[in-house]
């Protein structure tokens, strides 16, 4: 697959996912769609870069967990 076609495919995926997220009214459903997009895009990453994404998502989850504590 050429660089041009990979770029076009990535642009199409971004447009489709952004549209899907924007058209959903429930904030939790939008979150789920966002996370599905992350999982989908992570499949294209080299394995070495996946750990960085895991660390970022883990930080967000910990932050949310801290906010939920009374």
PDB file of N, CA and C in Angstrom:
ATOM      1  N   UNK A   1       0.851  -1.164   0.000  1.00  0.00           N
ATOM      2  CA  UNK A   1       0.000   0.000   0.000  1.00  0.00           C
ATOM      3  C   UNK A   1       0.901   1.233   0.000  1.00  0.00           C
ATOM      4  N   UNK A   2       0.625   2.153  -0.872  1.00  0.00           N
ATOM      5  CA  UNK A   2       1.453   3.344  -1.000  1.00  0.00           C
ATOM      6  C   UNK A   2       1.191   4.315   0.158  1.00  0.00           C
ATOM      7  N   UNK A   3       2.115   5.238   0.315  1.00  0.00           N
ATOM      8  CA  UNK A   3       1.970   6.254   1.360  1.00  0.00           C
ATOM      9  C   UNK A   3       0.712   7.080   1.105  1.00  0.00           C
ATOM     10  N   UNK A   4       0.483   7.414  -0.144  1.00  0.00           N
ATOM     11  CA  UNK A   4      -0.693   8.219  -0.503  1.00  0.00           C
ATOM     12  C   UNK A   4      -1.987   7.499  -0.138  1.00  0.00           C
ATOM     13  N   UNK A   5      -2.067   6.214  -0.425  1.00  0.00           N
ATOM     14  CA  UNK A   5      -3.299   5.471  -0.110  1.00  0.00           C
ATOM     15  C   UNK A   5      -3.453   5.253   1.393  1.00  0.00           C
ATOM     16  N   UNK A   6      -2.344   5.073   2.112  1.00  0.00           N
ATOM     17  CA  UNK A   6      -2.440   4.944   3.574  1.00  0.00           C
ATOM     18  C   UNK A   6      -2.894   6.238   4.201  1.00  0.00           C
ATOM     19  N   UNK A   7      -2.406   7.370   3.671  1.00  0.00           N
ATOM     20  CA  UNK A   7      -2.819   8.678   4.173  1.00  0.00           C
ATOM     21  C   UNK A   7      -4.311   8.899   3.916  1.00  0.00           C
ATOM     22  N   UNK A   8      -4.760   8.526   2.719  1.00  0.00           N
ATOM     23  CA  UNK A   8      -6.185   8.673   2.388  1.00  0.00           C
ATOM     24  C   UNK A   8      -7.040   7.786   3.278  1.00  0.00           C
ATOM     25  N   UNK A   9      -6.592   6.570   3.535  1.00  0.00           N
ATOM     26  CA  UNK A   9      -7.338   5.659   4.407  1.00  0.00           C
ATOM     27  C   UNK A   9      -7.427   6.219   5.826  1.00  0.00           C
ATOM     28  N   UNK A  10      -6.330   6.775   6.322  1.00  0.00           N
ATOM     29  CA  UNK A  10      -6.324   7.357   7.665  1.00  0.00           C
ATOM     30  C   UNK A  10      -7.259   8.569   7.725  1.00  0.00           C
ATOM     31  N   UNK A  11      -7.259   9.376   6.678  1.00  0.00           N
ATOM     32  CA  UNK A  11      -8.155  10.538   6.616  1.00  0.00           C
ATOM     33  C   UNK A  11      -9.605  10.087   6.618  1.00  0.00           C
ATOM     34  N   UNK A  12      -9.907   9.048   5.854  1.00  0.00           N
ATOM     35  CA  UNK A  12     -11.277   8.521   5.806  1.00  0.00           C
ATOM     36  C   UNK A  12     -11.708   7.955   7.163  1.00  0.00           C
ATOM     37  N   UNK A  13     -10.813   7.228   7.831  1.00  0.00           N
ATOM     38  CA  UNK A  13     -11.133   6.685   9.153  1.00  0.00           C
ATOM     39  C   UNK A  13     -11.401   7.808  10.143  1.00  0.00           C
ATOM     40  N   UNK A  14     -10.575   8.854  10.096  1.00  0.00           N
ATOM     41  CA  UNK A  14     -10.747   9.986  11.006  1.00  0.00           C
ATOM     42  C   UNK A  14     -12.078  10.686  10.761  1.00  0.00           C
ATOM     43  N   UNK A  15     -12.413  10.888   9.506  1.00  0.00           N
ATOM     44  CA  UNK A  15     -13.676  11.555   9.177  1.00  0.00           C
ATOM     45  C   UNK A  15     -14.859  10.722   9.640  1.00  0.00           C
ATOM     46  N   UNK A  16     -14.812   9.420   9.380  1.00  0.00           N
ATOM     47  CA  UNK A  16     -15.922   8.540   9.756  1.00  0.00           C
ATOM     48  C   UNK A  16     -16.080   8.491  11.273  1.00  0.00           C
ATOM     49  N   UNK A  17     -14.976   8.304  11.982  1.00  0.00           N
ATOM     50  CA  UNK A  17     -15.054   8.223  13.441  1.00  0.00           C
ATOM     51  C   UNK A  17     -15.451   9.548  14.069  1.00  0.00           C
ATOM     52  N   UNK A  18     -14.925  10.645  13.567  1.00  0.00           N
ATOM     53  CA  UNK A  18     -15.298  11.958  14.099  1.00  0.00           C
ATOM     54  C   UNK A  18     -16.787  12.208  13.906  1.00  0.00           C
ATOM     55  N   UNK A  19     -17.295  11.845  12.739  1.00  0.00           N
ATOM     56  CA  UNK A  19     -18.726  12.008  12.451  1.00  0.00           C
ATOM     57  C   UNK A  19     -19.568  11.138  13.379  1.00  0.00           C
ATOM     58  N   UNK A  20     -19.127   9.912  13.575  1.00  0.00           N
ATOM     59  CA  UNK A  20     -19.845   8.973  14.449  1.00  0.00           C
ATOM     60  C   UNK A  20     -19.899   9.506  15.880  1.00  0.00           C
ATOM     61  N   UNK A  21     -18.794  10.025  16.368  1.00  0.00           N
ATOM     62  CA  UNK A  21     -18.733  10.555  17.729  1.00  0.00           C
ATOM     63  C   UNK A  21     -19.614  11.799  17.855  1.00  0.00           C
ATOM     64  N   UNK A  22     -19.533  12.682  16.875  1.00  0.00           N
ATOM     65  CA  UNK A  22     -20.296  13.933  16.927  1.00  0.00           C
ATOM     66  C   UNK A  22     -21.802  13.707  16.833  1.00  0.00           C
ATOM     67  N   UNK A  23     -22.208  12.639  16.142  1.00  0.00           N
ATOM     68  CA  UNK A  23     -23.643  12.422  15.931  1.00  0.00           C
ATOM     69  C   UNK A  23     -24.319  11.710  17.105  1.00  0.00           C
ATOM     70  N   UNK A  24     -23.554  11.266  18.055  1.00  0.00           N
ATOM     71  CA  UNK A  24     -24.106  10.556  19.204  1.00  0.00           C
ATOM     72  C   UNK A  24     -24.435  11.550  20.307  1.00  0.00           C
ATOM     73  N   UNK A  25     -25.621  11.423  20.879  1.00  0.00           N
ATOM     74  CA  UNK A  25     -26.037  12.394  21.895  1.00  0.00           C
ATOM     75  C   UNK A  25     -25.564  12.047  23.301  1.00  0.00           C
ATOM     76  N   UNK A  26     -25.481  10.775  23.615  1.00  0.00           N
ATOM     77  CA  UNK A  26     -25.071  10.370  24.957  1.00  0.00           C
ATOM     78  C   UNK A  26     -23.562  10.564  25.133  1.00  0.00           C
ATOM     79  N   UNK A  27     -23.144  11.258  26.192  1.00  0.00           N
ATOM     80  CA  UNK A  27     -21.706  11.445  26.405  1.00  0.00           C
ATOM     81  C   UNK A  27     -20.971  10.123  26.659  1.00  0.00           C
ATOM     82  N   UNK A  28     -21.646   9.166  27.273  1.00  0.00           N
ATOM     83  CA  UNK A  28     -21.008   7.874  27.524  1.00  0.00           C
ATOM     84  C   UNK A  28     -20.855   7.074  26.233  1.00  0.00           C
ATOM     85  N   UNK A  29     -21.818   7.204  25.355  1.00  0.00           N
ATOM     86  CA  UNK A  29     -21.733   6.546  24.051  1.00  0.00           C
ATOM     87  C   UNK A  29     -20.611   7.185  23.223  1.00  0.00           C
ATOM     88  N   UNK A  30     -20.482   8.503  23.321  1.00  0.00           N
ATOM     89  CA  UNK A  30     -19.390   9.183  22.627  1.00  0.00           C
ATOM     90  C   UNK A  30     -18.039   8.722  23.167  1.00  0.00           C
ATOM     91  N   UNK A  31     -17.954   8.532  24.482  1.00  0.00           N
ATOM     92  CA  UNK A  31     -16.724   8.027  25.085  1.00  0.00           C
ATOM     93  C   UNK A  31     -16.416   6.630  24.567  1.00  0.00           C
ATOM     94  N   UNK A  32     -17.431   5.782  24.501  1.00  0.00           N
ATOM     95  CA  UNK A  32     -17.228   4.419  24.004  1.00  0.00           C
ATOM     96  C   UNK A  32     -16.737   4.427  22.559  1.00  0.00           C
ATOM     97  N   UNK A  33     -17.356   5.260  21.720  1.00  0.00           N
ATOM     98  CA  UNK A  33     -16.924   5.358  20.320  1.00  0.00           C
ATOM     99  C   UNK A  33     -15.490   5.884  20.226  1.00  0.00           C
ATOM    100  N   UNK A  34     -15.150   6.817  21.086  1.00  0.00           N
ATOM    101  CA  UNK A  34     -13.785   7.352  21.093  1.00  0.00           C
ATOM    102  C   UNK A  34     -12.774   6.275  21.454  1.00  0.00           C
ATOM    103  N   UNK A  35     -13.114   5.485  22.451  1.00  0.00           N
ATOM    104  CA  UNK A  35     -12.208   4.406  22.860  1.00  0.00           C
ATOM    105  C   UNK A  35     -12.108   3.327  21.792  1.00  0.00           C
ATOM    106  N   UNK A  36     -13.200   3.057  21.103  1.00  0.00           N
ATOM    107  CA  UNK A  36     -13.158   2.096  19.992  1.00  0.00           C
ATOM    108  C   UNK A  36     -12.237   2.608  18.887  1.00  0.00           C
ATOM    109  N   UNK A  37     -12.272   3.917  18.648  1.00  0.00           N
ATOM    110  CA  UNK A  37     -11.398   4.497  17.636  1.00  0.00           C
ATOM    111  C   UNK A  37      -9.935   4.352  18.056  1.00  0.00           C
ATOM    112  N   UNK A  38      -9.655   4.585  19.331  1.00  0.00           N
ATOM    113  CA  UNK A  38      -8.290   4.414  19.839  1.00  0.00           C
ATOM    114  C   UNK A  38      -7.827   2.979  19.605  1.00  0.00           C
ATOM    115  N   UNK A  39      -8.679   2.015  19.936  1.00  0.00           N
ATOM    116  CA  UNK A  39      -8.313   0.604  19.746  1.00  0.00           C
ATOM    117  C   UNK A  39      -8.060   0.291  18.272  1.00  0.00           C
ATOM    118  N   UNK A  40      -8.889   0.835  17.413  1.00  0.00           N
ATOM    119  CA  UNK A  40      -8.745   0.606  15.988  1.00  0.00           C
ATOM    120  C   UNK A  40      -7.425   1.171  15.468  1.00  0.00           C
ATOM    121  N   UNK A  41      -7.110   2.383  15.865  1.00  0.00           N
ATOM    122  CA  UNK A  41      -5.873   3.017  15.407  1.00  0.00           C
ATOM    123  C   UNK A  41      -4.642   2.367  16.026  1.00  0.00           C
ATOM    124  N   UNK A  42      -4.775   1.851  17.241  1.00  0.00           N
ATOM    125  CA  UNK A  42      -3.626   1.225  17.915  1.00  0.00           C
ATOM    126  C   UNK A  42      -3.133   0.004  17.151  1.00  0.00           C
ATOM    127  N   UNK A  43      -4.013  -0.619  16.402  1.00  0.00           N
ATOM    128  CA  UNK A  43      -3.595  -1.797  15.618  1.00  0.00           C
ATOM    129  C   UNK A  43      -2.581  -1.441  14.542  1.00  0.00           C
ATOM    130  N   UNK A  44      -2.522  -0.176  14.157  1.00  0.00           N
ATOM    131  CA  UNK A  44      -1.579   0.240  13.115  1.00  0.00           C
ATOM    132  C   UNK A  44      -0.237   0.677  13.694  1.00  0.00           C
ATOM    133  N   UNK A  45      -0.138   0.773  15.026  1.00  0.00           N
ATOM    134  CA  UNK A  45       1.098   1.214  15.668  1.00  0.00           C
ATOM    135  C   UNK A  45       2.107   0.085  15.766  1.00  0.00           C
ATOM    136  N   UNK A  46       3.379   0.432  15.723  1.00  0.00           N
ATOM    137  CA  UNK A  46       4.391  -0.563  16.059  1.00  0.00           C
ATOM    138  C   UNK A  46       4.233  -0.946  17.539  1.00  0.00           C
ATOM    139  N   UNK A  47       4.527  -2.179  17.870  1.00  0.00           N
ATOM    140  CA  UNK A  47       4.333  -2.655  19.244  1.00  0.00           C
ATOM    141  C   UNK A  47       5.059  -1.793  20.268  1.00  0.00           C
ATOM    142  N   UNK A  48       6.193  -1.245  19.908  1.00  0.00           N
ATOM    143  CA  UNK A  48       6.956  -0.414  20.846  1.00  0.00           C
ATOM    144  C   UNK A  48       6.188   0.858  21.211  1.00  0.00           C
ATOM    145  N   UNK A  49       5.400   1.393  20.295  1.00  0.00           N
ATOM    146  CA  UNK A  49       4.645   2.621  20.560  1.00  0.00           C
ATOM    147  C   UNK A  49       3.357   2.359  21.336  1.00  0.00           C
ATOM    148  N   UNK A  50       2.893   1.134  21.345  1.00  0.00           N
ATOM    149  CA  UNK A  50       1.648   0.804  22.043  1.00  0.00           C
ATOM    150  C   UNK A  50       1.781   1.074  23.536  1.00  0.00           C
ATOM    151  N   UNK A  51       2.929   0.800  24.109  1.00  0.00           N
ATOM    152  CA  UNK A  51       3.124   1.028  25.549  1.00  0.00           C
ATOM    153  C   UNK A  51       2.919   2.484  25.924  1.00  0.00           C
ATOM    154  N   UNK A  52       3.350   3.408  25.077  1.00  0.00           N
ATOM    155  CA  UNK A  52       3.132   4.824  25.352  1.00  0.00           C
ATOM    156  C   UNK A  52       1.653   5.169  25.381  1.00  0.00           C
ATOM    157  N   UNK A  53       0.895   4.580  24.475  1.00  0.00           N
ATOM    158  CA  UNK A  53      -0.551   4.811  24.440  1.00  0.00           C
ATOM    159  C   UNK A  53      -1.196   4.211  25.681  1.00  0.00           C
ATOM    160  N   UNK A  54      -0.757   3.032  26.067  1.00  0.00           N
ATOM    161  CA  UNK A  54      -1.277   2.392  27.278  1.00  0.00           C
ATOM    162  C   UNK A  54      -1.023   3.286  28.483  1.00  0.00           C
ATOM    163  N   UNK A  55       0.170   3.847  28.568  1.00  0.00           N
ATOM    164  CA  UNK A  55       0.497   4.738  29.689  1.00  0.00           C
ATOM    165  C   UNK A  55      -0.412   5.968  29.714  1.00  0.00           C
ATOM    166  N   UNK A  56      -0.664   6.560  28.543  1.00  0.00           N
ATOM    167  CA  UNK A  56      -1.546   7.734  28.482  1.00  0.00           C
ATOM    168  C   UNK A  56      -2.955   7.394  28.928  1.00  0.00           C
ATOM    169  N   UNK A  57      -3.485   6.288  28.434  1.00  0.00           N
ATOM    170  CA  UNK A  57      -4.851   5.884  28.785  1.00  0.00           C
ATOM    171  C   UNK A  57      -4.939   5.527  30.266  1.00  0.00           C
ATOM    172  N   UNK A  58      -3.910   4.894  30.784  1.00  0.00           N
ATOM    173  CA  UNK A  58      -3.878   4.552  32.204  1.00  0.00           C
ATOM    174  C   UNK A  58      -3.880   5.809  33.066  1.00  0.00           C
ATOM    175  N   UNK A  59      -3.147   6.841  32.645  1.00  0.00           N
ATOM    176  CA  UNK A  59      -3.150   8.113  33.394  1.00  0.00           C
ATOM    177  C   UNK A  59      -4.549   8.727  33.408  1.00  0.00           C
ATOM    178  N   UNK A  60      -5.226   8.690  32.276  1.00  0.00           N
ATOM    179  CA  UNK A  60      -6.590   9.235  32.213  1.00  0.00           C
ATOM    180  C   UNK A  60      -7.511   8.440  33.140  1.00  0.00           C
ATOM    181  N   UNK A  61      -7.414   7.117  33.104  1.00  0.00           N
ATOM    182  CA  UNK A  61      -8.263   6.280  33.959  1.00  0.00           C
ATOM    183  C   UNK A  61      -7.994   6.551  35.434  1.00  0.00           C
ATOM    184  N   UNK A  62      -6.734   6.699  35.804  1.00  0.00           N
ATOM    185  CA  UNK A  62      -6.412   7.001  37.203  1.00  0.00           C
ATOM    186  C   UNK A  62      -6.956   8.359  37.618  1.00  0.00           C
ATOM    187  N   UNK A  63      -6.862   9.335  36.710  1.00  0.00           N
ATOM    188  CA  UNK A  63      -7.395  10.663  36.998  1.00  0.00           C
ATOM    189  C   UNK A  63      -8.908  10.593  37.213  1.00  0.00           C
ATOM    190  N   UNK A  64      -9.610   9.882  36.367  1.00  0.00           N
ATOM    191  CA  UNK A  64     -11.046   9.724  36.517  1.00  0.00           C
ATOM    192  C   UNK A  64     -11.395   9.000  37.811  1.00  0.00           C
ATOM    193  N   UNK A  65     -10.582   8.014  38.153  1.00  0.00           N
ATOM    194  CA  UNK A  65     -10.805   7.276  39.387  1.00  0.00           C
ATOM    195  C   UNK A  65     -10.632   8.192  40.595  1.00  0.00           C
ATOM    196  N   UNK A  66      -9.631   9.027  40.575  1.00  0.00           N
ATOM    197  CA  UNK A  66      -9.404   9.965  41.680  1.00  0.00           C
ATOM    198  C   UNK A  66     -10.569  10.947  41.810  1.00  0.00           C
ATOM    199  N   UNK A  67     -11.084  11.409  40.672  1.00  0.00           N
ATOM    200  CA  UNK A  67     -12.212  12.354  40.702  1.00  0.00           C
ATOM    201  C   UNK A  67     -13.462  11.712  41.281  1.00  0.00           C
ATOM    202  N   UNK A  68     -13.597  10.413  41.137  1.00  0.00           N
ATOM    203  CA  UNK A  68     -14.818   9.735  41.600  1.00  0.00           C
ATOM    204  C   UNK A  68     -14.796   9.441  43.091  1.00  0.00           C
ATOM    205  N   UNK A  69     -13.648   9.650  43.726  1.00  0.00           N
ATOM    206  CA  UNK A  69     -13.564   9.371  45.171  1.00  0.00           C
ATOM    207  C   UNK A  69     -14.196  10.511  45.946  1.00  0.00           C
ATOM    208  N   UNK A  70     -14.960  10.178  46.982  1.00  0.00           N
ATOM    209  CA  UNK A  70     -15.589  11.224  47.802  1.00  0.00           C
ATOM    210  C   UNK A  70     -14.564  11.982  48.635  1.00  0.00           C
TER     211      UNK A  70
END
